[in-house]
Amino acid sequence: MILVLLLIAATLAVAAAGLVSLFFILPTWWPLWALVICGLALSTAREYRRAEQALLDVAEARLVDENQAPELYRSVERLAGMLAIPAPRIAIAGAEIPSGFVVGTRRKRAVVTVSEDIRRKLGAAELEAVLAHELAHVAHRDAAVMTVAILPRTIGLLLFAADDWILLWFFVWPFGFLLYAWGSLLTRTISRYREYEADAAAALAIGRADAVMSAIERLAEEAERIPDRDLRQVDPLNPFFMVARRPRRPLELFSEHPPLEKRIARLATIAREMGRSDG
């Protein structure tokens, strides 16, 4: 985890150095390079400002109050107390989403979302496990961590796919492509690690690793049943899901979620340790 964060910091430093070097390679073009850097900064800020609401819109999520979802509110408040965090807002997703997710770069802005479909299909203990997993992400400040982690990929994408910078595209696309590819690998690595940590925290919070295992297996089954065209509609949410459809990519390196088997094996170890401590 620390190594990945150091690599992300180094990548951002190299990216900054690369952009600054443009002033020395073609110094007479300095107004253009200044425009590029300002444009990147403004585009990145705009993307992050809109990100939270955009994700909720993709999920067709609506915020609900305590009167509309009393059971969810009670569970979230109790679990938030266990994890020593403020109770986040709650939303219900109308889209066919095979998981729960949380958005919000700050704890006070966090929104925990579950779909109507998942509420109906999961048992009480499984739904509690999903909520505990998502609240663990809030407790660990994972949204803030991922916001920083995704910066290299975001900047690379802005450079590589800059439709409105046609004149500059020839100069910057190789740099943008490499930054996007490398940033994606780093982001996916840290994303897998955070999922393992959230699984463990959820199991300890509710005292039932078996419920977390059951929830993961049920969500994985539901994800496999949803048609590809429906999943493509919520594709931007995939990195935020507790469980996503099994990747068709052969290598774990290119996946944003850990393999299902590894997550279950780790939780089984936690269950055995909890059993020994109870005894």
Protein backbone atom coordinates (compact mmCIF):
# COMPACT_ATOMS: atom_id res chain seq x y z
CA MET A 1 0.00 0.00 0.00
CA ILE A 2 2.71 2.51 1.01
CA LEU A 3 4.79 1.49 -2.02
CA VAL A 4 1.86 2.15 -4.36
CA LEU A 5 1.20 5.55 -2.81
CA LEU A 6 4.89 6.41 -3.21
CA LEU A 7 4.72 5.35 -6.86
CA ILE A 8 1.65 7.56 -7.37
CA ALA A 9 3.47 10.52 -5.78
CA ALA A 10 6.50 9.85 -7.98
CA THR A 11 4.28 9.60 -11.07
CA LEU A 12 2.66 12.96 -10.31
CA ALA A 13 6.12 14.48 -9.78
CA VAL A 14 7.35 13.10 -13.11
CA ALA A 15 4.18 14.33 -14.85
CA ALA A 16 4.68 17.81 -13.41
CA ALA A 17 8.34 17.76 -14.44
CA GLY A 18 7.34 16.65 -17.94
CA LEU A 19 4.90 19.52 -18.32
CA VAL A 20 7.42 22.04 -16.99
CA SER A 21 10.07 20.70 -19.38
CA LEU A 22 7.94 21.90 -22.29
CA PHE A 23 8.95 25.45 -21.35
CA PHE A 24 12.61 24.53 -21.89
CA ILE A 25 12.17 22.38 -25.01
CA LEU A 26 10.26 25.08 -26.89
CA PRO A 27 10.62 28.21 -24.77
CA THR A 28 9.11 30.53 -27.38
CA TRP A 29 5.85 28.60 -27.06
CA TRP A 30 5.53 29.42 -23.36
CA PRO A 31 2.05 31.03 -23.67
CA LEU A 32 0.78 27.80 -25.19
CA TRP A 33 2.31 25.61 -22.48
CA ALA A 34 0.90 27.90 -19.79
CA LEU A 35 -2.51 27.51 -21.42
CA VAL A 36 -2.13 23.71 -21.43
CA ILE A 37 -1.28 23.58 -17.72
CA CYS A 38 -4.11 25.94 -16.76
CA GLY A 39 -6.51 23.96 -18.92
CA LEU A 40 -5.48 20.70 -17.27
CA ALA A 41 -5.92 22.17 -13.79
CA LEU A 42 -9.35 23.58 -14.60
CA SER A 43 -10.53 20.40 -16.37
CA THR A 44 -9.39 18.19 -13.48
CA ALA A 45 -11.08 20.44 -10.90
CA ARG A 46 -14.29 20.46 -12.95
CA GLU A 47 -14.32 16.66 -13.22
CA TYR A 48 -13.97 16.21 -9.46
CA ARG A 49 -16.52 18.88 -8.65
CA ARG A 50 -19.12 17.12 -10.74
CA ALA A 51 -18.08 13.56 -9.93
CA GLU A 52 -20.24 12.82 -6.87
CA GLN A 53 -23.53 14.05 -8.33
CA ALA A 54 -22.70 12.53 -11.72
CA LEU A 55 -22.26 9.09 -10.13
CA LEU A 56 -25.56 9.38 -8.26
CA ASP A 57 -27.26 10.42 -11.50
CA VAL A 58 -25.87 7.36 -13.30
CA ALA A 59 -27.34 5.17 -10.55
CA GLU A 60 -30.68 7.04 -10.76
CA ALA A 61 -30.27 7.45 -7.01
CA ARG A 62 -32.49 9.59 -4.81
CA LEU A 63 -31.68 10.68 -1.29
CA VAL A 64 -34.10 9.35 1.32
CA ASP A 65 -34.86 10.47 4.86
CA GLU A 66 -35.51 8.45 7.98
CA ASN A 67 -39.25 8.25 7.34
CA GLN A 68 -38.73 6.77 3.87
CA ALA A 69 -36.16 4.12 4.86
CA PRO A 70 -36.26 3.64 8.65
CA GLU A 71 -34.53 0.24 8.63
CA LEU A 72 -31.63 1.51 6.56
CA TYR A 73 -31.27 4.55 8.76
CA ARG A 74 -31.14 2.50 11.93
CA SER A 75 -28.53 0.15 10.46
CA VAL A 76 -26.37 2.95 9.09
CA GLU A 77 -26.47 4.95 12.32
CA ARG A 78 -25.57 1.90 14.41
CA LEU A 79 -22.72 0.83 12.10
CA ALA A 80 -21.41 4.39 11.83
CA GLY A 81 -21.26 4.51 15.63
CA MET A 82 -19.26 1.28 15.68
CA LEU A 83 -16.79 2.71 13.17
CA ALA A 84 -16.65 6.11 14.93
CA ILE A 85 -17.74 8.16 11.92
CA PRO A 86 -20.65 10.54 11.30
CA ALA A 87 -23.67 8.77 9.83
CA PRO A 88 -23.64 9.50 6.08
CA ARG A 89 -26.61 10.33 3.93
CA ILE A 90 -28.50 7.44 2.34
CA ALA A 91 -29.72 7.05 -1.23
CA ILE A 92 -31.79 4.42 -3.00
CA ALA A 93 -30.76 3.59 -6.58
CA GLY A 94 -33.41 3.04 -9.20
CA ALA A 95 -31.01 1.59 -11.78
CA GLU A 96 -30.38 -2.15 -11.84
CA ILE A 97 -27.22 -2.16 -9.78
CA PRO A 98 -25.83 -5.46 -8.44
CA SER A 99 -24.15 -3.89 -5.42
CA GLY A 100 -23.95 -1.05 -2.96
CA PHE A 101 -21.51 1.83 -3.21
CA VAL A 102 -20.46 5.02 -1.47
CA VAL A 103 -19.45 8.40 -2.91
CA GLY A 104 -18.03 11.50 -1.26
CA THR A 105 -14.45 12.67 -0.87
CA ARG A 106 -15.13 13.84 2.68
CA ARG A 107 -16.89 12.00 5.50
CA LYS A 108 -19.45 14.79 5.90
CA ARG A 109 -20.34 14.56 2.20
CA ALA A 110 -20.54 10.77 2.03
CA VAL A 111 -23.61 9.13 0.51
CA VAL A 112 -24.20 5.40 0.93
CA THR A 113 -26.32 3.96 -1.87
CA VAL A 114 -28.08 0.62 -2.24
CA SER A 115 -30.45 -0.44 -4.98
CA GLU A 116 -34.05 -1.48 -4.51
CA ASP A 117 -33.18 -4.81 -6.08
CA ILE A 118 -30.44 -5.56 -3.54
CA ARG A 119 -32.69 -4.53 -0.64
CA ARG A 120 -35.24 -7.11 -1.74
CA LYS A 121 -32.87 -9.97 -2.51
CA LEU A 122 -30.38 -9.84 0.36
CA GLY A 123 -31.12 -11.13 3.83
CA ALA A 124 -30.92 -8.76 6.79
CA ALA A 125 -27.42 -9.93 7.81
CA GLU A 126 -26.16 -9.72 4.21
CA LEU A 127 -27.52 -6.19 3.74
CA GLU A 128 -25.91 -5.18 7.03
CA ALA A 129 -22.62 -6.59 5.74
CA VAL A 130 -22.89 -4.51 2.55
CA LEU A 131 -23.58 -1.35 4.56
CA ALA A 132 -20.67 -2.12 6.93
CA HIS A 133 -18.34 -2.63 3.96
CA GLU A 134 -19.31 0.73 2.44
CA LEU A 135 -19.06 2.54 5.76
CA ALA A 136 -15.60 1.02 6.23
CA HIS A 137 -14.59 2.82 3.02
CA VAL A 138 -15.83 6.06 4.61
CA ALA A 139 -13.96 5.33 7.87
CA HIS A 140 -10.73 4.63 5.95
CA ARG A 141 -11.18 7.81 3.86
CA ASP A 142 -10.89 5.66 0.77
CA ALA A 143 -12.71 8.15 -1.45
CA ALA A 144 -10.08 10.78 -0.65
CA VAL A 145 -7.28 8.25 -1.17
CA MET A 146 -8.72 7.18 -4.52
CA THR A 147 -9.21 10.81 -5.55
CA VAL A 148 -5.45 11.33 -5.22
CA ALA A 149 -4.65 7.90 -6.68
CA ILE A 150 -6.70 8.50 -9.80
CA LEU A 151 -5.06 11.84 -10.62
CA PRO A 152 -2.35 10.40 -12.93
CA ARG A 153 -4.97 8.46 -14.90
CA THR A 154 -7.28 11.49 -15.09
CA ILE A 155 -4.52 13.81 -16.31
CA GLY A 156 -3.35 11.19 -18.82
CA LEU A 157 -6.87 10.78 -20.19
CA LEU A 158 -7.31 14.54 -20.53
CA LEU A 159 -4.08 14.72 -22.53
CA PHE A 160 -4.69 11.59 -24.60
CA ALA A 161 -8.33 12.28 -25.50
CA ALA A 162 -8.24 16.07 -25.72
CA ASP A 163 -10.80 16.72 -28.46
CA ASP A 164 -10.59 20.48 -28.06
CA TRP A 165 -6.79 20.55 -28.22
CA ILE A 166 -6.37 19.27 -31.77
CA LEU A 167 -3.32 21.43 -32.45
CA LEU A 168 -1.59 20.17 -29.31
CA TRP A 169 -2.68 16.55 -29.57
CA PHE A 170 0.27 15.56 -31.76
CA PHE A 171 2.70 16.75 -29.09
CA VAL A 172 1.04 15.48 -25.93
CA TRP A 173 -0.77 12.24 -26.80
CA PRO A 174 2.22 9.87 -26.27
CA PHE A 175 2.83 11.38 -22.84
CA GLY A 176 -0.90 11.23 -22.04
CA PHE A 177 -1.21 7.61 -23.14
CA LEU A 178 1.72 6.45 -21.02
CA LEU A 179 0.47 8.41 -18.01
CA TYR A 180 -3.04 7.00 -18.40
CA ALA A 181 -1.82 3.39 -18.74
CA TRP A 182 0.60 3.59 -15.80
CA GLY A 183 -1.91 5.51 -13.66
CA SER A 184 -4.58 2.90 -14.36
CA LEU A 185 -2.34 0.09 -13.11
CA LEU A 186 -1.56 1.98 -9.90
CA THR A 187 -5.21 2.89 -9.32
CA ARG A 188 -6.37 -0.69 -9.78
CA THR A 189 -3.69 -1.99 -7.42
CA ILE A 190 -4.69 0.35 -4.62
CA SER A 191 -8.39 -0.29 -5.31
CA ARG A 192 -7.92 -4.04 -4.76
CA TYR A 193 -6.08 -3.41 -1.51
CA ARG A 194 -8.84 -1.11 -0.21
CA GLU A 195 -11.46 -3.77 -0.93
CA TYR A 196 -9.61 -6.32 1.20
CA GLU A 197 -9.37 -3.78 4.03
CA ALA A 198 -13.07 -2.89 3.82
CA ASP A 199 -14.02 -6.59 3.90
CA ALA A 200 -12.00 -7.13 7.06
CA ALA A 201 -13.34 -3.99 8.76
CA ALA A 202 -16.93 -4.95 7.93
CA ALA A 203 -16.46 -8.45 9.34
CA LEU A 204 -15.05 -7.07 12.60
CA ALA A 205 -17.69 -4.34 12.87
CA ILE A 206 -20.67 -6.69 12.65
CA GLY A 207 -18.86 -9.63 14.25
CA ARG A 208 -19.82 -11.96 11.40
CA ALA A 209 -17.31 -12.69 8.69
CA ASP A 210 -19.69 -15.32 7.34
CA ALA A 211 -22.30 -12.64 6.59
CA VAL A 212 -19.74 -10.64 4.59
CA MET A 213 -18.78 -13.79 2.67
CA SER A 214 -22.42 -14.57 1.96
CA ALA A 215 -23.09 -11.00 0.80
CA ILE A 216 -20.12 -11.07 -1.57
CA GLU A 217 -21.22 -14.39 -3.06
CA ARG A 218 -24.83 -13.24 -3.48
CA LEU A 219 -23.81 -9.95 -5.08
CA ALA A 220 -21.47 -11.80 -7.45
CA GLU A 221 -24.34 -14.08 -8.49
CA GLU A 222 -26.60 -11.08 -9.11
CA ALA A 223 -23.90 -9.33 -11.16
CA GLU A 224 -23.60 -12.36 -13.44
CA ARG A 225 -27.37 -12.34 -14.10
CA ILE A 226 -27.58 -8.72 -15.25
CA PRO A 227 -27.33 -8.29 -19.05
CA ASP A 228 -24.25 -6.57 -20.45
CA ARG A 229 -26.28 -3.67 -21.85
CA ASP A 230 -27.63 -2.84 -18.38
CA LEU A 231 -24.21 -3.07 -16.77
CA ARG A 232 -22.74 -0.76 -19.42
CA GLN A 233 -25.17 1.94 -18.29
CA VAL A 234 -23.61 1.96 -14.82
CA ASP A 235 -20.04 1.29 -15.97
CA PRO A 236 -18.68 4.50 -14.34
CA LEU A 237 -19.76 3.06 -10.98
CA ASN A 238 -17.92 -0.23 -11.38
CA PRO A 239 -14.83 0.81 -9.35
CA PHE A 240 -17.13 1.85 -6.46
CA PHE A 241 -19.10 -1.40 -6.25
CA MET A 242 -18.51 -3.83 -3.41
CA VAL A 243 -18.63 -6.61 -6.00
CA ALA A 244 -18.40 -6.36 -9.77
CA ARG A 245 -18.93 -8.92 -12.48
CA ARG A 246 -16.03 -11.35 -12.78
CA PRO A 247 -13.53 -9.71 -15.13
CA ARG A 248 -12.91 -11.31 -18.49
CA ARG A 249 -9.32 -10.14 -18.24
CA PRO A 250 -7.06 -13.11 -17.45
CA LEU A 251 -4.76 -11.18 -15.10
CA GLU A 252 -5.62 -9.85 -11.65
CA LEU A 253 -3.27 -6.95 -12.38
CA PHE A 254 -5.86 -5.37 -14.70
CA SER A 255 -8.84 -5.75 -12.37
CA GLU A 256 -10.21 -3.10 -10.01
CA HIS A 257 -11.58 -5.75 -7.64
CA PRO A 258 -9.76 -8.66 -5.99
CA PRO A 259 -10.63 -12.16 -7.19
CA LEU A 260 -13.73 -13.50 -5.45
CA GLU A 261 -11.88 -16.60 -4.29
CA LYS A 262 -9.14 -14.58 -2.57
CA ARG A 263 -11.66 -12.38 -0.78
CA ILE A 264 -13.57 -15.39 0.49
CA ALA A 265 -10.34 -17.10 1.61
CA ARG A 266 -9.24 -14.02 3.58
CA LEU A 267 -12.63 -13.70 5.22
CA ALA A 268 -12.60 -17.40 6.09
CA THR A 269 -9.29 -16.82 7.90
CA ILE A 270 -10.83 -13.89 9.78
CA ALA A 271 -13.84 -16.06 10.69
CA ARG A 272 -11.56 -18.74 12.16
CA GLU A 273 -9.62 -16.14 14.15
CA MET A 274 -12.85 -14.64 15.46
CA GLY A 275 -14.05 -18.10 16.42
CA ARG A 276 -10.88 -18.76 18.40
CA SER A 277 -11.10 -15.41 20.18
CA ASP A 278 -14.73 -16.09 21.12
CA GLY A 279 -13.72 -19.40 22.53
